[in-house]
Amino acid sequence: MGQLIQLIGAALILTAFVLAQIKRLEPSSAAYLTLNLLGGLILASVAAVDLDLGFLVLESVWAAVSAAGLVRLVQAGRQAAKATHQGKAE
């Protein structure tokens, strides 16, 4: 079961990478960042259970950077919505 979980995590990250390389996803898109976040969290969890510190650091940073990108997207969306709402109110 552990190997299957690892393969799922790896598949999520690799799917995002391949789709970005063939120009089907933008690296700054929510879909790309979400795939990377989920894959990184899965693989970091496996690394933590296995006490594989190098892999844990790698995947934790991978997930954290993806999460930060998603937060930036959400904030930008909120600012855009606020600007649009203020523009209509004038």
N, C-alpha and C. Protein backbone atom coordinates (compact mmCIF):
# COMPACT_ATOMS: atom_id res chain seq x y z
N MET A 1 0.82 -1.21 0.00
CA MET A 1 0.00 0.00 0.00
C MET A 1 0.86 1.26 0.00
N GLY A 2 1.99 1.23 0.74
CA GLY A 2 2.89 2.38 0.80
C GLY A 2 3.44 2.75 -0.57
N GLN A 3 3.77 1.75 -1.36
CA GLN A 3 4.29 2.01 -2.71
C GLN A 3 3.23 2.67 -3.59
N LEU A 4 1.99 2.24 -3.46
CA LEU A 4 0.90 2.82 -4.23
C LEU A 4 0.73 4.29 -3.87
N ILE A 5 0.79 4.61 -2.60
CA ILE A 5 0.66 6.00 -2.15
C ILE A 5 1.80 6.84 -2.72
N GLN A 6 3.02 6.31 -2.69
CA GLN A 6 4.16 7.02 -3.26
C GLN A 6 3.96 7.26 -4.76
N LEU A 7 3.47 6.26 -5.45
CA LEU A 7 3.25 6.40 -6.89
C LEU A 7 2.18 7.46 -7.19
N ILE A 8 1.17 7.53 -6.37
CA ILE A 8 0.12 8.54 -6.56
C ILE A 8 0.72 9.94 -6.37
N GLY A 9 1.50 10.12 -5.31
CA GLY A 9 2.14 11.41 -5.07
C GLY A 9 3.05 11.81 -6.22
N ALA A 10 3.87 10.86 -6.66
CA ALA A 10 4.78 11.13 -7.78
C ALA A 10 3.99 11.43 -9.05
N ALA A 11 2.92 10.71 -9.28
CA ALA A 11 2.11 10.92 -10.48
C ALA A 11 1.50 12.31 -10.50
N LEU A 12 1.09 12.81 -9.36
CA LEU A 12 0.51 14.16 -9.31
C LEU A 12 1.55 15.21 -9.71
N ILE A 13 2.74 15.11 -9.14
CA ILE A 13 3.79 16.06 -9.45
C ILE A 13 4.23 15.94 -10.91
N LEU A 14 4.40 14.73 -11.36
CA LEU A 14 4.85 14.53 -12.74
C LEU A 14 3.79 14.94 -13.75
N THR A 15 2.53 14.76 -13.41
CA THR A 15 1.45 15.20 -14.30
C THR A 15 1.51 16.71 -14.48
N ALA A 16 1.67 17.43 -13.37
CA ALA A 16 1.79 18.89 -13.46
C ALA A 16 2.98 19.29 -14.32
N PHE A 17 4.10 18.64 -14.11
CA PHE A 17 5.32 18.96 -14.85
C PHE A 17 5.14 18.71 -16.35
N VAL A 18 4.64 17.55 -16.69
CA VAL A 18 4.45 17.20 -18.11
C VAL A 18 3.46 18.16 -18.77
N LEU A 19 2.35 18.44 -18.10
CA LEU A 19 1.36 19.35 -18.67
C LEU A 19 1.93 20.75 -18.87
N ALA A 20 2.80 21.18 -17.97
CA ALA A 20 3.45 22.49 -18.15
C ALA A 20 4.42 22.45 -19.33
N GLN A 21 5.13 21.36 -19.49
CA GLN A 21 6.10 21.25 -20.58
C GLN A 21 5.42 21.23 -21.95
N ILE A 22 4.23 20.67 -22.03
CA ILE A 22 3.52 20.64 -23.31
C ILE A 22 2.54 21.81 -23.45
N LYS A 23 2.72 22.79 -22.56
CA LYS A 23 1.95 24.05 -22.60
C LYS A 23 0.44 23.86 -22.38
N ARG A 24 0.08 22.85 -21.60
CA ARG A 24 -1.33 22.64 -21.26
C ARG A 24 -1.68 23.27 -19.91
N LEU A 25 -0.66 23.54 -19.09
CA LEU A 25 -0.84 24.21 -17.80
C LEU A 25 0.24 25.27 -17.65
N GLU A 26 -0.13 26.37 -17.06
CA GLU A 26 0.86 27.40 -16.72
C GLU A 26 1.40 27.08 -15.33
N PRO A 27 2.70 27.21 -15.13
CA PRO A 27 3.28 26.92 -13.82
C PRO A 27 2.73 27.79 -12.68
N SER A 28 2.13 28.91 -13.02
CA SER A 28 1.55 29.76 -11.99
C SER A 28 0.04 29.53 -11.82
N SER A 29 -0.51 28.53 -12.51
CA SER A 29 -1.94 28.28 -12.43
C SER A 29 -2.32 27.52 -11.16
N ALA A 30 -3.57 27.68 -10.76
CA ALA A 30 -4.06 26.98 -9.58
C ALA A 30 -3.99 25.47 -9.75
N ALA A 31 -4.28 24.97 -10.94
CA ALA A 31 -4.24 23.53 -11.18
C ALA A 31 -2.83 22.98 -11.01
N TYR A 32 -1.86 23.66 -11.59
CA TYR A 32 -0.46 23.23 -11.48
C TYR A 32 -0.01 23.24 -10.03
N LEU A 33 -0.28 24.33 -9.34
CA LEU A 33 0.14 24.45 -7.94
C LEU A 33 -0.57 23.45 -7.05
N THR A 34 -1.84 23.18 -7.32
CA THR A 34 -2.58 22.21 -6.52
C THR A 34 -2.04 20.80 -6.71
N LEU A 35 -1.76 20.42 -7.95
CA LEU A 35 -1.18 19.11 -8.20
C LEU A 35 0.15 18.95 -7.46
N ASN A 36 0.98 20.00 -7.52
CA ASN A 36 2.26 19.96 -6.83
C ASN A 36 2.10 19.93 -5.32
N LEU A 37 1.16 20.69 -4.80
CA LEU A 37 0.92 20.71 -3.36
C LEU A 37 0.48 19.34 -2.87
N LEU A 38 -0.51 18.76 -3.54
CA LEU A 38 -1.01 17.45 -3.11
C LEU A 38 0.06 16.37 -3.23
N GLY A 39 0.76 16.35 -4.36
CA GLY A 39 1.83 15.37 -4.54
C GLY A 39 2.93 15.54 -3.50
N GLY A 40 3.32 16.78 -3.23
CA GLY A 40 4.34 17.05 -2.24
C GLY A 40 3.92 16.64 -0.84
N LEU A 41 2.67 16.93 -0.49
CA LEU A 41 2.17 16.54 0.83
C LEU A 41 2.14 15.02 0.99
N ILE A 42 1.71 14.33 -0.03
CA ILE A 42 1.67 12.86 0.02
C ILE A 42 3.08 12.31 0.21
N LEU A 43 4.00 12.78 -0.62
CA LEU A 43 5.37 12.26 -0.55
C LEU A 43 6.07 12.69 0.74
N ALA A 44 5.79 13.88 1.24
CA ALA A 44 6.37 14.31 2.51
C ALA A 44 5.85 13.45 3.66
N SER A 45 4.58 13.09 3.59
CA SER A 45 4.00 12.23 4.63
C SER A 45 4.67 10.86 4.64
N VAL A 46 4.87 10.31 3.46
CA VAL A 46 5.54 9.01 3.34
C VAL A 46 6.97 9.12 3.89
N ALA A 47 7.66 10.20 3.53
CA ALA A 47 9.03 10.40 3.99
C ALA A 47 9.09 10.54 5.51
N ALA A 48 8.10 11.21 6.09
CA ALA A 48 8.06 11.37 7.55
C ALA A 48 7.87 10.02 8.24
N VAL A 49 6.97 9.23 7.71
CA VAL A 49 6.72 7.90 8.29
C VAL A 49 7.97 7.03 8.19
N ASP A 50 8.66 7.13 7.06
CA ASP A 50 9.86 6.31 6.83
C ASP A 50 11.12 6.93 7.44
N LEU A 51 10.99 8.11 8.06
CA LEU A 51 12.13 8.84 8.63
C LEU A 51 13.23 9.09 7.60
N ASP A 52 12.83 9.41 6.40
CA ASP A 52 13.75 9.73 5.31
C ASP A 52 13.90 11.25 5.26
N LEU A 53 14.87 11.78 6.01
CA LEU A 53 14.94 13.21 6.24
C LEU A 53 15.22 14.03 4.98
N GLY A 54 16.11 13.58 4.12
CA GLY A 54 16.39 14.32 2.89
C GLY A 54 15.15 14.44 2.02
N PHE A 55 14.44 13.35 1.86
CA PHE A 55 13.22 13.33 1.06
C PHE A 55 12.13 14.17 1.74
N LEU A 56 12.08 14.12 3.07
CA LEU A 56 11.11 14.90 3.82
C LEU A 56 11.33 16.39 3.60
N VAL A 57 12.58 16.83 3.66
CA VAL A 57 12.88 18.25 3.45
C VAL A 57 12.51 18.65 2.02
N LEU A 58 12.92 17.85 1.06
CA LEU A 58 12.63 18.15 -0.34
C LEU A 58 11.13 18.31 -0.57
N GLU A 59 10.37 17.33 -0.16
CA GLU A 59 8.93 17.34 -0.44
C GLU A 59 8.18 18.37 0.41
N SER A 60 8.67 18.63 1.62
CA SER A 60 8.03 19.65 2.46
C SER A 60 8.21 21.03 1.84
N VAL A 61 9.41 21.31 1.36
CA VAL A 61 9.66 22.60 0.70
C VAL A 61 8.85 22.69 -0.59
N TRP A 62 8.79 21.59 -1.33
CA TRP A 62 8.01 21.56 -2.57
C TRP A 62 6.55 21.92 -2.28
N ALA A 63 6.00 21.30 -1.25
CA ALA A 63 4.60 21.56 -0.89
C ALA A 63 4.43 22.99 -0.37
N ALA A 64 5.38 23.47 0.43
CA ALA A 64 5.28 24.82 0.99
C ALA A 64 5.33 25.88 -0.10
N VAL A 65 6.21 25.72 -1.07
CA VAL A 65 6.31 26.67 -2.17
C VAL A 65 5.02 26.66 -3.00
N SER A 66 4.48 25.48 -3.23
CA SER A 66 3.21 25.37 -3.97
C SER A 66 2.08 26.02 -3.19
N ALA A 67 2.04 25.81 -1.89
CA ALA A 67 1.00 26.42 -1.05
C ALA A 67 1.12 27.94 -1.07
N ALA A 68 2.34 28.44 -1.00
CA ALA A 68 2.55 29.89 -1.05
C ALA A 68 2.07 30.46 -2.39
N GLY A 69 2.31 29.74 -3.47
CA GLY A 69 1.83 30.18 -4.77
C GLY A 69 0.31 30.22 -4.83
N LEU A 70 -0.32 29.23 -4.23
CA LEU A 70 -1.80 29.22 -4.19
C LEU A 70 -2.33 30.38 -3.36
N VAL A 71 -1.68 30.67 -2.25
CA VAL A 71 -2.10 31.81 -1.41
C VAL A 71 -1.99 33.11 -2.21
N ARG A 72 -0.89 33.27 -2.95
CA ARG A 72 -0.73 34.47 -3.78
C ARG A 72 -1.85 34.57 -4.83
N LEU A 73 -2.21 33.45 -5.43
CA LEU A 73 -3.29 33.45 -6.43
C LEU A 73 -4.62 33.87 -5.80
N VAL A 74 -4.91 33.33 -4.65
CA VAL A 74 -6.16 33.67 -3.95
C VAL A 74 -6.18 35.15 -3.60
N GLN A 75 -5.06 35.65 -3.07
CA GLN A 75 -4.99 37.07 -2.71
C GLN A 75 -5.14 37.96 -3.94
N ALA A 76 -4.51 37.59 -5.03
CA ALA A 76 -4.62 38.37 -6.27
C ALA A 76 -6.06 38.36 -6.78
N GLY A 77 -6.71 37.20 -6.68
CA GLY A 77 -8.11 37.11 -7.10
C GLY A 77 -9.01 37.98 -6.25
N ARG A 78 -8.75 38.00 -4.96
CA ARG A 78 -9.55 38.85 -4.07
C ARG A 78 -9.34 40.32 -4.37
N GLN A 79 -8.09 40.69 -4.62
CA GLN A 79 -7.79 42.09 -4.94
C GLN A 79 -8.45 42.49 -6.25
N ALA A 80 -8.42 41.61 -7.23
CA ALA A 80 -9.04 41.90 -8.53
C ALA A 80 -10.56 42.03 -8.37
N ALA A 81 -11.15 41.14 -7.57
CA ALA A 81 -12.60 41.21 -7.34
C ALA A 81 -12.97 42.49 -6.60
N LYS A 82 -12.15 42.84 -5.64
CA LYS A 82 -12.40 44.07 -4.89
C LYS A 82 -12.30 45.30 -5.80
N ALA A 83 -11.28 45.33 -6.66
CA ALA A 83 -11.11 46.44 -7.60
C ALA A 83 -12.28 46.52 -8.56
N THR A 84 -12.72 45.37 -9.04
CA THR A 84 -13.85 45.33 -9.96
C THR A 84 -15.12 45.83 -9.26
N HIS A 85 -15.32 45.39 -8.04
CA HIS A 85 -16.50 45.80 -7.27
C HIS A 85 -16.46 47.29 -6.99
N GLN A 86 -15.29 47.82 -6.65
CA GLN A 86 -15.17 49.25 -6.38
C GLN A 86 -15.39 50.05 -7.66
N GLY A 87 -14.92 49.54 -8.79
CA GLY A 87 -15.10 50.24 -10.06
C GLY A 87 -16.56 50.33 -10.46
N LYS A 88 -17.34 49.30 -10.14
CA LYS A 88 -18.77 49.32 -10.46
C LYS A 88 -19.54 50.21 -9.52
N ALA A 89 -19.03 50.39 -8.30
CA ALA A 89 -19.73 51.19 -7.31
C ALA A 89 -19.57 52.69 -7.59
N GLU A 90 -18.57 53.05 -8.37
CA GLU A 90 -18.33 54.48 -8.65
C GLU A 90 -19.21 55.03 -9.68
